[in-house]
Amino acid sequence: MALGVAPSLSPTTIHRHPERLKRWAAINAMIRQKNQEANQKTTSEDAKKTN
């Protein structure tokens, strides 16, 4: 693993900004839940509209 090639993925960056990663994880979790809810609500509606 070459740290010089991808400094944004280096361990130092991760250790410097753990709160940023936690925030992104929370945002990703919220987005996943919203997408799942939207998919469940619109699957039947989309099928009627597209056909």
C-alpha atoms as a PDB file:
ATOM      1  CA  MET A   1       0.000   0.000   0.000  1.00  0.00           C
ATOM      2  CA  ALA A   2       1.560   3.270  -1.126  1.00  0.00           C
ATOM      3  CA  LEU A   3       0.509   6.098   1.160  1.00  0.00           C
ATOM      4  CA  GLY A   4       2.022   8.731  -1.157  1.00  0.00           C
ATOM      5  CA  VAL A   5      -0.306   7.787  -3.998  1.00  0.00           C
ATOM      6  CA  ALA A   6      -3.559   8.402  -2.103  1.00  0.00           C
ATOM      7  CA  PRO A   7      -2.938  10.773   0.830  1.00  0.00           C
ATOM      8  CA  SER A   8      -6.689  11.230   1.312  1.00  0.00           C
ATOM      9  CA  LEU A   9      -6.946   7.550   2.273  1.00  0.00           C
ATOM     10  CA  SER A  10      -3.924   7.553   4.592  1.00  0.00           C
ATOM     11  CA  PRO A  11      -4.386   6.484   8.252  1.00  0.00           C
ATOM     12  CA  THR A  12      -3.274   9.930   9.433  1.00  0.00           C
ATOM     13  CA  THR A  13      -6.216  11.578   7.684  1.00  0.00           C
ATOM     14  CA  ILE A  14      -8.605   9.049   9.203  1.00  0.00           C
ATOM     15  CA  HIS A  15      -7.222   9.622  12.703  1.00  0.00           C
ATOM     16  CA  ARG A  16      -7.294  13.388  12.311  1.00  0.00           C
ATOM     17  CA  HIS A  17     -10.968  13.537  11.366  1.00  0.00           C
ATOM     18  CA  PRO A  18     -12.854  10.682  13.070  1.00  0.00           C
ATOM     19  CA  GLU A  19     -15.857  12.957  13.636  1.00  0.00           C
ATOM     20  CA  ARG A  20     -16.038  13.628   9.902  1.00  0.00           C
ATOM     21  CA  LEU A  21     -16.137   9.900   9.138  1.00  0.00           C
ATOM     22  CA  LYS A  22     -18.814   9.357  11.794  1.00  0.00           C
ATOM     23  CA  ARG A  23     -20.848  12.181  10.256  1.00  0.00           C
ATOM     24  CA  TRP A  24     -20.536  10.642   6.776  1.00  0.00           C
ATOM     25  CA  ALA A  25     -21.520   7.230   8.161  1.00  0.00           C
ATOM     26  CA  ALA A  26     -24.626   8.727   9.768  1.00  0.00           C
ATOM     27  CA  ILE A  27     -25.511  10.570   6.551  1.00  0.00           C
ATOM     28  CA  ASN A  28     -25.046   7.405   4.501  1.00  0.00           C
ATOM     29  CA  ALA A  29     -27.266   5.462   6.901  1.00  0.00           C
ATOM     30  CA  MET A  30     -29.999   8.114   6.635  1.00  0.00           C
ATOM     31  CA  ILE A  31     -29.757   8.110   2.836  1.00  0.00           C
ATOM     32  CA  ARG A  32     -30.024   4.310   2.757  1.00  0.00           C
ATOM     33  CA  GLN A  33     -33.137   4.373   4.946  1.00  0.00           C
ATOM     34  CA  LYS A  34     -34.744   7.111   2.822  1.00  0.00           C
ATOM     35  CA  ASN A  35     -33.960   5.209  -0.373  1.00  0.00           C
ATOM     36  CA  GLN A  36     -35.431   1.992   1.027  1.00  0.00           C
ATOM     37  CA  GLU A  37     -38.605   3.779   2.152  1.00  0.00           C
ATOM     38  CA  ALA A  38     -38.922   5.559  -1.199  1.00  0.00           C
ATOM     39  CA  ASN A  39     -38.407   2.311  -3.094  1.00  0.00           C
ATOM     40  CA  GLN A  40     -41.082   0.530  -1.070  1.00  0.00           C
ATOM     41  CA  LYS A  41     -43.580   3.375  -1.592  1.00  0.00           C
ATOM     42  CA  THR A  42     -42.963   3.960  -5.300  1.00  0.00           C
ATOM     43  CA  THR A  43     -42.386   0.464  -6.714  1.00  0.00           C
ATOM     44  CA  SER A  44     -46.084  -0.127  -7.430  1.00  0.00           C
ATOM     45  CA  GLU A  45     -46.681   3.497  -8.489  1.00  0.00           C
ATOM     46  CA  ASP A  46     -43.685   3.509 -10.838  1.00  0.00           C
ATOM     47  CA  ALA A  47     -44.829   0.237 -12.399  1.00  0.00           C
ATOM     48  CA  LYS A  48     -48.223   1.800 -13.180  1.00  0.00           C
ATOM     49  CA  LYS A  49     -46.678   5.007 -14.566  1.00  0.00           C
ATOM     50  CA  THR A  50     -44.014   3.385 -16.758  1.00  0.00           C
ATOM     51  CA  ASN A  51     -46.438   0.832 -18.197  1.00  0.00           C
END
